[in-house]
Amino acid sequence: MSIQTALQRAAATPLLELDKVSIAYQEATGSRRVVHDVSFSIQPGEVVALVGESGSGKTTTAQAIIGLLTENGRLEQGAIRLNGTDIAHWSSRRLDAVRGAQISLIPQDPSSSLNPVKTIGEQVAEIVNIHRRLPRKQVQRRVLELLTRVGLTHPELRARQYPHELSGGMKQRVLIAIAIALQPALIIADEPTSALDVTVQKRILDLIDELRQEFGTAVLLVTHDLAVAAERADRLLVFRHGRVQEQGVTAEVLRAPASDYTRRLFADVPSLAGAAAPRLNLGTQAPAIQVNGLVKDFRLAGSGGKSYRALDQVSFSVQSGTTHALVGESGSGKTTLARCLLGFQRPDAGQIIIDGTDFTRLKGEALRQFRRRIQLVYQNPFGSLDPSQTLYQVIEEPLLNFEPLGKAERYRRVRELFERVALPDDLLGRKPRELSGGQRQRVAIARALVLQPRVLVLDEATSALDVTVQAQILRLLQDLQQALGLTYLFISHDLATVRQISHSVSVLHRGQQVDGGTTRDLFAMPGSDYTRQLIEAIPGRHWHAAQPKSEDAFHEQ
């Protein structure tokens, strides 16, 4: 074999290749196959995205590559080749030499992926010490280099801190530092930005891309965020029910999806579909919500009486029957404002007027009864429902707390709401664990509506859901608003969704309102640099803007 032929063959060998991989889980009822005959490859320096809804098999496939399937998971058939060598059936001990050195993982949840009792420096040093025997000072120097490389300020301080002392974005940067410590050939990024604000998300994705270009590292991006995949991946693989629906160059798949499922999936992504904001028709009636000069301070523990101003003279009004969005990064004051609106915290100054009543002046039983007019739908449908209650009991409970209704009337009200949120009656006797995420959020919405409130506070109510389920819940919320005349306060860091559902917006930054107005005007002519940065950071918006309307196949359908 000539040297030229050998080089050609080496160049043709993918960094990673999966060949007809099938994976099953062993359950009480027997073996259940969850991944079916999956084949794809990744070349050095390439970004390949696995996209699809929860349960589609994408994370299971990624786990199998690095030998991290759960105890009841097993590779039934197929090959997983790393640089031409099949590692599919290697023992965990043998794979230890590969993990970190050749393939690294950036896990999804930065809050649960770091050891809470070890410093950041110790955890970064650990990966270096496992694979390389270096003097202690050299390891410490490498740790500081890595923390600096991923953009953490004051790396010496960060190395001494514990995970709870860092923000979510900072913790994710630490995980990236660990992942790149040994300059691996492949990084598996499993939903690396799903829990982050849009601007932090952009910075993290930019960082991964910079590292890829610098070191020639390939990236396997596992995500349900199709907008992120559209903007960042060279190639897409669309998963559904453990099978690859289609795969190809990202731009080609987006312009002309081959399967109906892929077309529906893309059509549900607000930033890809180019959804326009609903129009705000100004009425003469009094606003449903009016916030005037709201101020909220928190005392800092151990600071000698110093305080932190979470809200600083925030004012806005919301027209009855419309949706007003609160947007901003973590720490901007969104949640504090919502807690004041719900009566969980009292502002230090200002007014909150709901349906003409100054909410801030109410106390005791008057406050408790007034809370019926404003209800909350939480972010996480998996944690907001009592697992010991049936769905009927979940929805009925507010009636038992507030209204002396007979059993028959309570049953009628619960069934009516169950039907209104498009859930079948035969689920009423089931427990939350038996439902999907979208079904659970429908139950949470029904529970919030059972007291017939005028206002719903939706705290990131769709952020934990897959894109298709998210679209279904947004349509349900719009239908309920039109049918019942509801007013929504929609708290979100997802500006693409905000543009799709909200009539008006307030932008918060470090406790201050830096922008506000109708959604259409704000997106067309943002009034602050901060708002422009938020809009610029929306994943997928640049891809959509660049496409000729006639070629936007999935949007036209």
Protein backbone atom coordinates (compact mmCIF):
# COMPACT_ATOMS: atom_id res chain seq x y z
CA MET A 1 0.00 0.00 0.00
CA SER A 2 1.42 3.40 -0.98
CA ILE A 3 1.70 6.25 1.52
CA GLN A 4 -0.79 8.26 -0.58
CA THR A 5 -3.34 5.41 -0.50
CA ALA A 6 -2.88 5.03 3.26
CA LEU A 7 -3.46 8.76 3.78
CA GLN A 8 -6.58 8.68 1.59
CA ARG A 9 -7.98 5.77 3.58
CA ALA A 10 -7.17 7.49 6.86
CA ALA A 11 -8.89 10.66 5.69
CA ALA A 12 -11.96 8.66 4.65
CA THR A 13 -12.27 6.97 8.05
CA PRO A 14 -14.89 8.80 10.15
CA LEU A 15 -13.96 9.87 13.65
CA LEU A 16 -17.11 8.14 14.88
CA GLU A 17 -19.39 5.73 13.05
CA LEU A 18 -22.54 4.01 14.25
CA ASP A 19 -23.61 1.05 12.11
CA LYS A 20 -27.13 -0.35 12.57
CA VAL A 21 -27.16 0.22 16.33
CA SER A 22 -30.16 -1.09 18.29
CA ILE A 23 -30.60 -0.57 22.04
CA ALA A 24 -33.12 -2.09 24.47
CA TYR A 25 -34.11 -1.66 28.11
CA GLN A 26 -34.92 -4.62 30.32
CA GLU A 27 -38.20 -4.00 32.14
CA ALA A 28 -40.48 -6.05 34.40
CA THR A 29 -42.55 -7.09 31.40
CA GLY A 30 -39.54 -8.00 29.27
CA SER A 31 -37.08 -6.37 26.89
CA ARG A 32 -38.20 -3.17 25.13
CA ARG A 33 -36.23 -1.90 22.13
CA VAL A 34 -35.96 1.90 22.15
CA VAL A 35 -33.38 2.52 19.39
CA HIS A 36 -33.74 0.77 16.03
CA ASP A 37 -30.97 0.31 13.42
CA VAL A 38 -29.42 3.75 13.80
CA SER A 39 -26.53 4.54 11.47
CA PHE A 40 -24.55 7.78 11.07
CA SER A 41 -20.98 9.07 11.14
CA ILE A 42 -19.09 12.17 12.29
CA GLN A 43 -15.98 13.57 10.65
CA PRO A 44 -13.25 15.44 12.56
CA GLY A 45 -14.25 19.04 13.28
CA GLU A 46 -17.88 18.45 12.27
CA VAL A 47 -20.99 19.35 14.29
CA VAL A 48 -23.78 16.79 14.01
CA ALA A 49 -27.07 17.38 15.84
CA LEU A 50 -29.43 14.67 17.06
CA VAL A 51 -32.84 16.32 17.33
CA GLY A 52 -36.25 15.06 18.37
CA GLU A 53 -38.78 15.00 21.17
CA SER A 54 -38.29 13.43 24.60
CA GLY A 55 -38.33 9.66 24.32
CA SER A 56 -37.15 9.72 20.71
CA GLY A 57 -33.95 7.83 21.56
CA LYS A 58 -31.37 10.56 20.95
CA THR A 59 -29.95 10.67 24.49
CA THR A 60 -29.91 6.87 24.75
CA THR A 61 -27.91 6.74 21.52
CA ALA A 62 -25.43 9.29 22.84
CA GLN A 63 -25.08 7.40 26.15
CA ALA A 64 -24.31 4.17 24.29
CA ILE A 65 -21.42 5.81 22.41
CA ILE A 66 -19.57 6.57 25.63
CA GLY A 67 -20.68 3.42 27.45
CA LEU A 68 -22.97 5.17 29.92
CA LEU A 69 -26.27 3.35 29.41
CA THR A 70 -28.31 2.78 32.56
CA GLU A 71 -27.99 -0.62 34.26
CA ASN A 72 -31.05 -2.02 32.49
CA GLY A 73 -29.90 -0.79 29.07
CA ARG A 74 -27.95 -2.93 26.60
CA LEU A 75 -26.67 -2.72 23.06
CA GLU A 76 -28.58 -5.43 21.20
CA GLN A 77 -26.79 -5.15 17.88
CA GLY A 78 -24.59 -2.94 15.73
CA ALA A 79 -21.12 -1.42 15.83
CA ILE A 80 -19.78 1.82 17.36
CA ARG A 81 -16.45 2.61 15.73
CA LEU A 82 -14.02 5.19 17.06
CA ASN A 83 -11.38 5.93 14.41
CA GLY A 84 -12.27 2.59 12.81
CA THR A 85 -12.09 0.52 16.03
CA ASP A 86 -15.33 -1.05 17.28
CA ILE A 87 -15.75 -0.05 20.95
CA ALA A 88 -19.39 -1.15 21.24
CA HIS A 89 -18.74 -4.05 23.60
CA TRP A 90 -15.75 -2.75 25.51
CA SER A 91 -15.92 -3.06 29.29
CA SER A 92 -16.45 0.07 31.39
CA ARG A 93 -12.89 -0.22 32.66
CA ARG A 94 -11.51 -0.31 29.13
CA LEU A 95 -13.68 2.66 28.14
CA ASP A 96 -12.21 4.70 31.01
CA ALA A 97 -9.16 5.23 28.82
CA VAL A 98 -11.42 6.73 26.13
CA ARG A 99 -13.68 8.89 28.30
CA GLY A 100 -12.23 12.35 28.71
CA ALA A 101 -9.16 11.64 26.62
CA GLN A 102 -10.83 10.91 23.27
CA ILE A 103 -14.54 11.47 23.92
CA SER A 104 -15.86 13.96 26.49
CA LEU A 105 -19.38 14.66 27.71
CA ILE A 106 -20.98 18.00 28.54
CA PRO A 107 -24.05 16.95 30.56
CA GLN A 108 -27.40 18.70 30.51
CA ASP A 109 -27.88 19.98 34.06
CA PRO A 110 -24.97 22.03 35.43
CA SER A 111 -26.57 22.15 38.89
CA SER A 112 -26.53 18.37 39.41
CA SER A 113 -23.42 17.49 37.40
CA LEU A 114 -20.81 18.98 39.73
CA ASN A 115 -19.82 17.58 43.12
CA PRO A 116 -21.21 19.99 45.75
CA VAL A 117 -18.51 19.17 48.34
CA LYS A 118 -15.49 19.66 46.08
CA THR A 119 -14.09 22.97 44.89
CA ILE A 120 -14.21 23.86 41.21
CA GLY A 121 -10.43 23.57 40.98
CA GLU A 122 -10.44 20.08 42.48
CA GLN A 123 -13.04 18.89 39.98
CA VAL A 124 -11.20 20.26 36.95
CA ALA A 125 -7.91 18.85 38.26
CA GLU A 126 -9.49 15.42 38.68
CA ILE A 127 -9.86 14.78 34.94
CA VAL A 128 -6.23 15.82 34.35
CA ASN A 129 -4.95 13.57 37.15
CA ILE A 130 -6.91 10.54 35.91
CA HIS A 131 -5.20 10.53 32.52
CA ARG A 132 -1.90 12.33 33.06
CA ARG A 133 0.70 12.16 35.80
CA LEU A 134 1.88 15.72 36.25
CA PRO A 135 3.45 17.63 39.16
CA ARG A 136 0.89 19.35 41.39
CA LYS A 137 1.95 22.88 40.37
CA GLN A 138 1.64 21.99 36.70
CA VAL A 139 -1.88 20.61 37.27
CA GLN A 140 -2.86 23.80 39.13
CA ARG A 141 -1.49 25.90 36.28
CA ARG A 142 -3.49 23.80 33.77
CA VAL A 143 -6.67 24.26 35.83
CA LEU A 144 -6.30 28.05 35.76
CA GLU A 145 -5.57 27.93 32.01
CA LEU A 146 -8.76 25.96 31.40
CA LEU A 147 -10.94 28.22 33.56
CA THR A 148 -9.53 31.25 31.75
CA ARG A 149 -10.04 29.59 28.36
CA VAL A 150 -13.77 29.08 28.98
CA GLY A 151 -14.20 32.74 29.88
CA LEU A 152 -14.49 32.64 33.67
CA THR A 153 -13.36 35.87 35.31
CA HIS A 154 -10.99 35.69 38.31
CA PRO A 155 -9.99 32.04 37.69
CA GLU A 156 -7.97 31.85 40.93
CA LEU A 157 -11.11 32.74 42.90
CA ARG A 158 -13.34 30.37 40.89
CA ALA A 159 -10.94 27.49 41.50
CA ARG A 160 -11.42 27.93 45.27
CA GLN A 161 -15.21 28.25 45.08
CA TYR A 162 -17.86 25.54 45.37
CA PRO A 163 -20.57 24.94 42.73
CA HIS A 164 -23.31 26.64 44.77
CA GLU A 165 -21.34 29.90 44.61
CA LEU A 166 -21.54 30.03 40.78
CA SER A 167 -24.40 30.91 38.44
CA GLY A 168 -25.84 28.37 36.01
CA GLY A 169 -23.87 29.78 33.10
CA MET A 170 -20.63 29.74 35.10
CA LYS A 171 -21.21 26.11 36.15
CA GLN A 172 -21.80 25.15 32.52
CA ARG A 173 -18.47 26.77 31.63
CA VAL A 174 -16.79 24.65 34.30
CA LEU A 175 -18.28 21.52 32.72
CA ILE A 176 -16.91 22.64 29.35
CA ALA A 177 -13.48 23.21 30.93
CA ILE A 178 -13.58 19.61 32.21
CA ALA A 179 -14.72 18.36 28.80
CA ILE A 180 -11.86 20.06 26.89
CA ALA A 181 -9.14 19.47 29.48
CA LEU A 182 -7.45 16.72 27.44
CA GLN A 183 -8.40 18.15 24.02
CA PRO A 184 -10.61 15.18 23.03
CA ALA A 185 -11.42 14.39 19.42
CA LEU A 186 -15.18 14.34 20.12
CA ILE A 187 -17.42 16.23 22.55
CA ILE A 188 -20.93 14.92 23.20
CA ALA A 189 -23.00 17.93 24.28
CA ASP A 190 -26.28 16.69 25.79
CA GLU A 191 -28.73 19.63 25.90
CA PRO A 192 -25.81 21.86 27.00
CA THR A 193 -27.83 25.10 27.13
CA SER A 194 -31.43 24.04 27.82
CA ALA A 195 -31.46 25.52 31.35
CA LEU A 196 -29.75 28.81 30.40
CA ASP A 197 -30.95 32.28 29.47
CA VAL A 198 -30.82 33.18 25.80
CA THR A 199 -27.76 35.45 26.02
CA VAL A 200 -25.86 32.98 28.24
CA GLN A 201 -26.90 30.21 25.84
CA LYS A 202 -25.39 32.13 22.92
CA ARG A 203 -22.12 32.70 24.78
CA ILE A 204 -21.84 29.00 25.68
CA LEU A 205 -22.56 27.87 22.11
CA ASP A 206 -20.10 30.44 20.75
CA LEU A 207 -17.48 29.08 23.15
CA ILE A 208 -18.02 25.48 22.02
CA ASP A 209 -17.72 26.63 18.41
CA GLU A 210 -14.49 28.52 19.11
CA LEU A 211 -12.98 25.45 20.77
CA ARG A 212 -14.08 23.27 17.86
CA GLN A 213 -12.35 25.56 15.38
CA GLU A 214 -9.21 25.88 17.51
CA PHE A 215 -8.68 22.18 18.26
CA GLY A 216 -10.54 20.53 15.36
CA THR A 217 -12.86 18.85 17.85
CA ALA A 218 -16.02 17.22 16.52
CA VAL A 219 -19.29 17.86 18.36
CA LEU A 220 -22.31 15.60 18.72
CA LEU A 221 -25.06 18.00 19.80
CA VAL A 222 -28.05 16.29 21.44
CA THR A 223 -30.96 18.72 21.65
CA HIS A 224 -34.70 19.18 21.39
CA ASP A 225 -34.10 22.84 20.50
CA LEU A 226 -34.36 22.80 16.73
CA ALA A 227 -33.49 26.48 16.47
CA VAL A 228 -30.12 25.83 18.13
CA ALA A 229 -29.51 22.83 15.88
CA ALA A 230 -30.44 24.84 12.77
CA GLU A 231 -27.96 27.56 13.63
CA ARG A 232 -25.07 25.48 14.93
CA ALA A 233 -24.98 22.06 13.22
CA ASP A 234 -23.40 21.06 9.90
CA ARG A 235 -25.72 18.05 9.67
CA LEU A 236 -29.01 17.04 11.28
CA LEU A 237 -30.40 13.65 12.29
CA VAL A 238 -34.10 13.74 13.14
CA PHE A 239 -35.14 11.06 15.66
CA ARG A 240 -38.62 9.74 16.32
CA HIS A 241 -39.58 6.62 18.30
CA GLY A 242 -35.97 5.43 18.26
CA ARG A 243 -35.57 5.66 14.49
CA VAL A 244 -33.82 8.20 12.26
CA GLN A 245 -36.55 9.86 10.21
CA GLU A 246 -34.07 11.63 8.01
CA GLN A 247 -30.55 13.00 8.02
CA GLY A 248 -28.56 15.37 5.87
CA VAL A 249 -26.88 18.75 5.56
CA THR A 250 -28.66 21.16 7.89
CA ALA A 251 -29.57 23.79 5.30
CA GLU A 252 -30.97 21.15 2.93
CA VAL A 253 -33.07 19.42 5.61
CA LEU A 254 -34.45 22.77 6.77
CA ARG A 255 -35.30 23.99 3.28
CA ALA A 256 -36.92 20.78 2.09
CA PRO A 257 -37.70 18.27 4.87
CA ALA A 258 -38.31 14.81 3.42
CA SER A 259 -40.73 13.51 6.08
CA ASP A 260 -44.07 14.85 7.29
CA TYR A 261 -42.85 14.52 10.87
CA THR A 262 -39.83 16.76 10.26
CA ARG A 263 -42.03 19.35 8.54
CA ARG A 264 -44.40 19.42 11.54
CA LEU A 265 -41.48 19.61 13.95
CA PHE A 266 -39.95 22.63 12.22
CA ALA A 267 -43.30 24.36 11.82
CA ASP A 268 -43.68 24.37 15.63
CA VAL A 269 -40.44 26.31 16.22
CA PRO A 270 -41.32 30.03 16.54
CA SER A 271 -37.92 31.38 15.46
CA LEU A 272 -37.75 29.07 12.42
CA ALA A 273 -41.36 29.59 11.41
CA GLY A 274 -40.99 33.37 11.66
CA ALA A 275 -44.15 33.71 13.75
CA ALA A 276 -45.39 37.29 14.03
CA ALA A 277 -46.55 38.88 17.28
CA PRO A 278 -50.32 39.22 17.83
CA ARG A 279 -51.67 42.74 17.40
CA LEU A 280 -52.70 44.76 20.45
CA ASN A 281 -56.04 46.45 19.86
CA LEU A 282 -56.20 49.30 22.34
CA GLY A 283 -59.43 49.40 24.29
CA THR A 284 -60.97 51.98 26.60
CA GLN A 285 -61.57 49.65 29.56
CA ALA A 286 -59.43 49.79 32.70
CA PRO A 287 -56.32 47.61 32.59
CA ALA A 288 -56.48 44.19 34.25
CA ILE A 289 -53.04 44.74 35.84
CA GLN A 290 -51.39 48.02 36.69
CA VAL A 291 -47.96 48.17 38.32
CA ASN A 292 -46.80 51.59 39.53
CA GLY A 293 -43.29 52.36 40.76
CA LEU A 294 -42.68 48.92 42.28
CA VAL A 295 -39.63 48.63 44.57
CA LYS A 296 -38.41 45.52 46.38
CA ASP A 297 -35.25 45.27 48.49
CA PHE A 298 -33.67 42.20 50.09
CA ARG A 299 -31.26 42.31 53.00
CA LEU A 300 -27.96 40.58 52.37
CA ALA A 301 -26.98 38.09 55.06
CA GLY A 302 -23.80 38.99 56.92
CA SER A 303 -23.47 42.37 55.21
CA GLY A 304 -24.07 44.58 58.24
CA GLY A 305 -27.56 45.65 57.17
CA LYS A 306 -26.83 46.24 53.48
CA SER A 307 -29.58 45.43 51.02
CA TYR A 308 -29.95 44.40 47.40
CA ARG A 309 -32.56 46.13 45.20
CA ALA A 310 -34.30 43.43 43.16
CA LEU A 311 -36.92 45.78 41.67
CA ASP A 312 -36.31 49.47 41.09
CA GLN A 313 -39.32 51.65 40.15
CA VAL A 314 -40.92 49.17 37.74
CA SER A 315 -44.15 50.33 36.08
CA PHE A 316 -46.38 48.85 33.37
CA SER A 317 -50.03 48.06 32.64
CA VAL A 318 -51.70 45.09 30.97
CA GLN A 319 -54.89 45.43 28.95
CA SER A 320 -57.64 43.01 29.95
CA GLY A 321 -57.74 39.86 27.82
CA THR A 322 -54.17 40.23 26.52
CA THR A 323 -50.79 38.66 27.22
CA HIS A 324 -47.96 40.72 28.69
CA ALA A 325 -44.47 39.19 28.76
CA LEU A 326 -41.74 39.79 31.31
CA VAL A 327 -38.35 39.01 29.78
CA GLY A 328 -34.78 39.23 30.99
CA GLU A 329 -31.89 37.09 32.16
CA SER A 330 -31.75 35.28 35.51
CA GLY A 331 -31.47 37.85 38.28
CA SER A 332 -33.29 40.52 36.29
CA GLY A 333 -36.22 40.66 38.75
CA LYS A 334 -38.86 38.70 36.79
CA THR A 335 -39.59 36.13 39.49
CA THR A 336 -39.54 38.72 42.28
CA LEU A 337 -42.09 40.77 40.38
CA ALA A 338 -44.29 37.71 39.87
CA ARG A 339 -44.11 36.84 43.57
CA CYS A 340 -45.21 40.38 44.43
CA LEU A 341 -48.11 40.13 41.99
CA LEU A 342 -49.22 36.84 43.57
CA GLY A 343 -48.98 38.23 47.09
CA PHE A 344 -46.14 35.91 48.14
CA GLN A 345 -43.95 38.95 48.86
CA ARG A 346 -44.81 42.53 49.71
CA PRO A 347 -43.12 45.35 47.78
CA ASP A 348 -41.30 48.05 49.75
CA ALA A 349 -42.90 50.78 47.63
CA GLY A 350 -45.33 51.14 44.75
CA GLN A 351 -48.73 49.75 43.82
CA ILE A 352 -50.12 46.60 42.24
CA ILE A 353 -53.69 47.18 41.04
CA ILE A 354 -55.64 44.18 39.76
CA ASP A 355 -59.14 44.76 38.40
CA GLY A 356 -59.21 48.14 40.14
CA THR A 357 -58.19 46.81 43.58
CA ASP A 358 -54.86 47.79 45.17
CA PHE A 359 -53.50 44.34 45.91
CA THR A 360 -50.67 45.71 48.09
CA ARG A 361 -53.12 47.06 50.72
CA LEU A 362 -54.93 43.76 51.34
CA LYS A 363 -54.21 41.61 54.39
CA GLY A 364 -55.44 38.46 56.08
CA GLU A 365 -58.63 36.85 54.76
CA ALA A 366 -59.20 39.64 52.23
CA LEU A 367 -55.82 38.91 50.67
CA ARG A 368 -56.45 35.14 50.69
CA GLN A 369 -59.81 35.52 48.95
CA PHE A 370 -58.44 38.01 46.41
CA ARG A 371 -55.81 35.45 45.35
CA ARG A 372 -58.64 33.59 43.61
CA ARG A 373 -58.50 36.28 40.92
CA ILE A 374 -54.85 35.63 40.08
CA GLN A 375 -53.44 32.13 39.79
CA LEU A 376 -50.04 30.64 38.91
CA VAL A 377 -48.91 27.96 36.45
CA TYR A 378 -45.44 26.77 37.41
CA GLN A 379 -42.49 26.07 35.13
CA ASN A 380 -41.98 22.38 35.79
CA PRO A 381 -44.99 20.10 35.18
CA PHE A 382 -43.00 17.20 36.66
CA GLY A 383 -42.59 18.86 40.06
CA SER A 384 -45.68 21.04 40.46
CA LEU A 385 -48.29 18.27 40.91
CA ASP A 386 -48.69 16.21 44.11
CA PRO A 387 -47.59 12.68 43.15
CA SER A 388 -49.86 11.12 45.80
CA GLN A 389 -53.06 12.68 44.42
CA THR A 390 -55.18 11.59 41.48
CA LEU A 391 -55.62 14.14 38.74
CA TYR A 392 -59.18 14.70 39.93
CA GLN A 393 -57.91 15.51 43.43
CA VAL A 394 -55.23 17.85 42.03
CA ILE A 395 -57.81 19.98 40.23
CA GLU A 396 -60.46 19.71 42.97
CA GLU A 397 -58.18 20.84 45.82
CA PRO A 398 -58.49 24.64 45.25
CA LEU A 399 -62.30 24.27 45.37
CA LEU A 400 -62.06 22.55 48.76
CA ASN A 401 -59.90 25.42 50.01
CA PHE A 402 -62.03 28.29 48.71
CA GLU A 403 -65.60 27.27 47.82
CA PRO A 404 -68.25 25.39 49.88
CA LEU A 405 -69.54 23.47 46.88
CA GLY A 406 -71.34 20.13 46.94
CA LYS A 407 -69.62 17.02 45.68
CA ALA A 408 -71.68 16.88 42.49
CA GLU A 409 -70.92 20.51 41.60
CA ARG A 410 -67.21 20.02 42.26
CA TYR A 411 -67.22 16.97 39.98
CA ARG A 412 -69.01 18.94 37.26
CA ARG A 413 -66.48 21.80 37.46
CA VAL A 414 -63.47 19.44 37.35
CA ARG A 415 -64.84 17.45 34.40
CA GLU A 416 -65.69 20.64 32.53
CA LEU A 417 -62.13 21.92 32.91
CA PHE A 418 -60.65 18.54 32.02
CA GLU A 419 -62.57 18.70 28.77
CA ARG A 420 -61.61 22.33 28.19
CA VAL A 421 -57.87 21.50 28.40
CA ALA A 422 -58.43 18.57 25.98
CA LEU A 423 -57.83 15.66 28.35
CA PRO A 424 -59.98 12.48 28.29
CA ASP A 425 -62.15 11.62 31.32
CA ASP A 426 -60.50 8.25 31.80
CA LEU A 427 -57.36 10.00 33.08
CA LEU A 428 -59.13 11.56 36.09
CA GLY A 429 -58.38 8.61 38.33
CA ARG A 430 -54.70 8.39 37.39
CA LYS A 431 -51.61 9.78 39.17
CA PRO A 432 -49.31 12.43 37.64
CA ARG A 433 -46.51 9.90 37.06
CA GLU A 434 -48.68 8.17 34.45
CA LEU A 435 -48.84 11.28 32.24
CA SER A 436 -46.50 12.89 29.73
CA GLY A 437 -45.05 16.35 30.34
CA GLY A 438 -47.61 18.01 28.08
CA GLN A 439 -50.51 16.24 29.79
CA ARG A 440 -49.21 17.27 33.21
CA GLN A 441 -49.01 20.90 32.16
CA ARG A 442 -52.61 20.71 30.93
CA VAL A 443 -53.60 19.45 34.39
CA ALA A 444 -51.65 22.33 35.98
CA ILE A 445 -53.52 24.81 33.77
CA ALA A 446 -56.87 23.21 34.69
CA ARG A 447 -56.00 23.47 38.39
CA ALA A 448 -55.16 27.17 37.96
CA LEU A 449 -58.47 27.81 36.17
CA VAL A 450 -60.80 25.94 38.55
CA LEU A 451 -61.35 29.04 40.73
CA GLN A 452 -62.28 31.07 37.63
CA PRO A 453 -59.48 33.66 37.95
CA ARG A 454 -59.19 36.76 35.78
CA VAL A 455 -55.37 36.65 35.59
CA LEU A 456 -52.90 33.78 35.10
CA VAL A 457 -49.19 34.14 35.83
CA LEU A 458 -47.32 31.72 33.56
CA ASP A 459 -43.82 31.26 34.98
CA GLU A 460 -41.73 29.70 32.17
CA ALA A 461 -44.79 27.49 31.64
CA THR A 462 -43.53 25.96 28.37
CA SER A 463 -39.75 26.00 28.81
CA ALA A 464 -39.54 22.41 30.12
CA LEU A 465 -41.49 21.00 27.16
CA ASP A 466 -40.46 19.66 23.77
CA VAL A 467 -41.10 21.92 20.81
CA THR A 468 -44.20 20.07 19.57
CA VAL A 469 -45.76 19.84 23.05
CA GLN A 470 -44.83 23.47 23.67
CA ALA A 471 -46.71 24.48 20.51
CA GLN A 472 -49.77 22.51 21.66
CA ILE A 473 -49.77 24.21 25.09
CA LEU A 474 -49.36 27.66 23.52
CA ARG A 475 -52.33 27.01 21.23
CA LEU A 476 -54.34 25.83 24.24
CA LEU A 477 -53.47 29.01 26.18
CA GLN A 478 -54.52 31.18 23.25
CA ASP A 479 -57.81 29.29 22.89
CA LEU A 480 -58.53 29.62 26.62
CA GLN A 481 -57.74 33.32 26.53
CA GLN A 482 -60.21 33.92 23.71
CA ALA A 483 -62.92 31.73 25.27
CA LEU A 484 -62.63 32.99 28.87
CA GLY A 485 -61.26 36.52 28.43
CA LEU A 486 -58.17 35.71 30.49
CA THR A 487 -55.24 38.07 31.03
CA TYR A 488 -51.78 36.46 31.05
CA LEU A 489 -48.51 37.56 32.59
CA PHE A 490 -46.03 35.42 30.64
CA ILE A 491 -42.58 35.12 32.25
CA SER A 492 -39.98 33.76 29.87
CA HIS A 493 -36.38 33.92 28.67
CA ASP A 494 -37.46 32.49 25.29
CA LEU A 495 -37.93 35.56 23.13
CA ALA A 496 -39.05 33.60 20.08
CA THR A 497 -42.03 32.28 22.08
CA VAL A 498 -42.65 35.72 23.58
CA ARG A 499 -42.89 37.18 20.08
CA GLN A 500 -45.39 34.50 19.10
CA ILE A 501 -47.80 34.72 22.05
CA SER A 502 -47.54 38.13 23.74
CA HIS A 503 -49.22 41.41 22.86
CA SER A 504 -46.92 43.58 24.98
CA VAL A 505 -43.55 43.22 26.72
CA SER A 506 -41.53 44.61 29.60
CA VAL A 507 -37.78 44.02 29.50
CA LEU A 508 -36.07 43.83 32.90
CA HIS A 509 -32.35 44.15 33.54
CA ARG A 510 -30.88 44.15 37.04
CA GLY A 511 -34.22 45.09 38.55
CA GLN A 512 -34.95 47.98 36.22
CA GLN A 513 -37.34 48.15 33.30
CA VAL A 514 -35.10 49.08 30.37
CA ASP A 515 -37.67 48.67 27.59
CA GLY A 516 -41.38 48.08 27.05
CA GLY A 517 -44.29 48.47 24.70
CA THR A 518 -46.18 46.41 22.14
CA THR A 519 -44.37 43.24 21.08
CA ARG A 520 -44.40 44.22 17.41
CA ASP A 521 -42.83 47.64 18.11
CA LEU A 522 -40.25 46.27 20.54
CA PHE A 523 -38.97 43.61 18.14
CA ALA A 524 -38.99 46.02 15.20
CA MET A 525 -37.35 48.94 17.07
CA PRO A 526 -35.82 47.89 20.41
CA GLY A 527 -35.30 50.86 22.68
CA SER A 528 -32.18 49.70 24.53
CA ASP A 529 -28.89 48.01 23.75
CA TYR A 530 -29.79 45.25 26.20
CA THR A 531 -33.01 44.45 24.32
CA ARG A 532 -31.08 44.38 21.04
CA GLN A 533 -28.64 41.88 22.59
CA LEU A 534 -31.53 39.65 23.71
CA ILE A 535 -33.10 39.70 20.24
CA GLU A 536 -29.73 39.07 18.56
CA ALA A 537 -29.25 36.01 20.76
CA ILE A 538 -32.46 34.26 19.61
CA PRO A 539 -31.24 30.98 18.06
CA GLY A 540 -32.38 30.36 14.50
CA ARG A 541 -33.50 33.92 13.75
CA HIS A 542 -30.58 34.57 11.39
CA TRP A 543 -31.26 31.37 9.49
CA HIS A 544 -34.92 32.29 8.95
CA ALA A 545 -34.16 35.86 7.92
CA ALA A 546 -31.72 34.62 5.27
CA GLN A 547 -34.20 32.32 3.54
CA PRO A 548 -36.27 33.38 0.51
CA LYS A 549 -39.95 33.14 1.40
CA SER A 550 -40.65 30.86 -1.58
CA GLU A 551 -38.17 28.29 -0.27
CA ASP A 552 -39.57 28.24 3.27
CA ALA A 553 -41.32 24.93 2.63
CA PHE A 554 -42.22 24.04 6.16
CA HIS A 555 -43.58 27.52 6.91
CA GLU A 556 -45.80 27.56 3.83
CA GLN A 557 -47.54 24.33 4.76
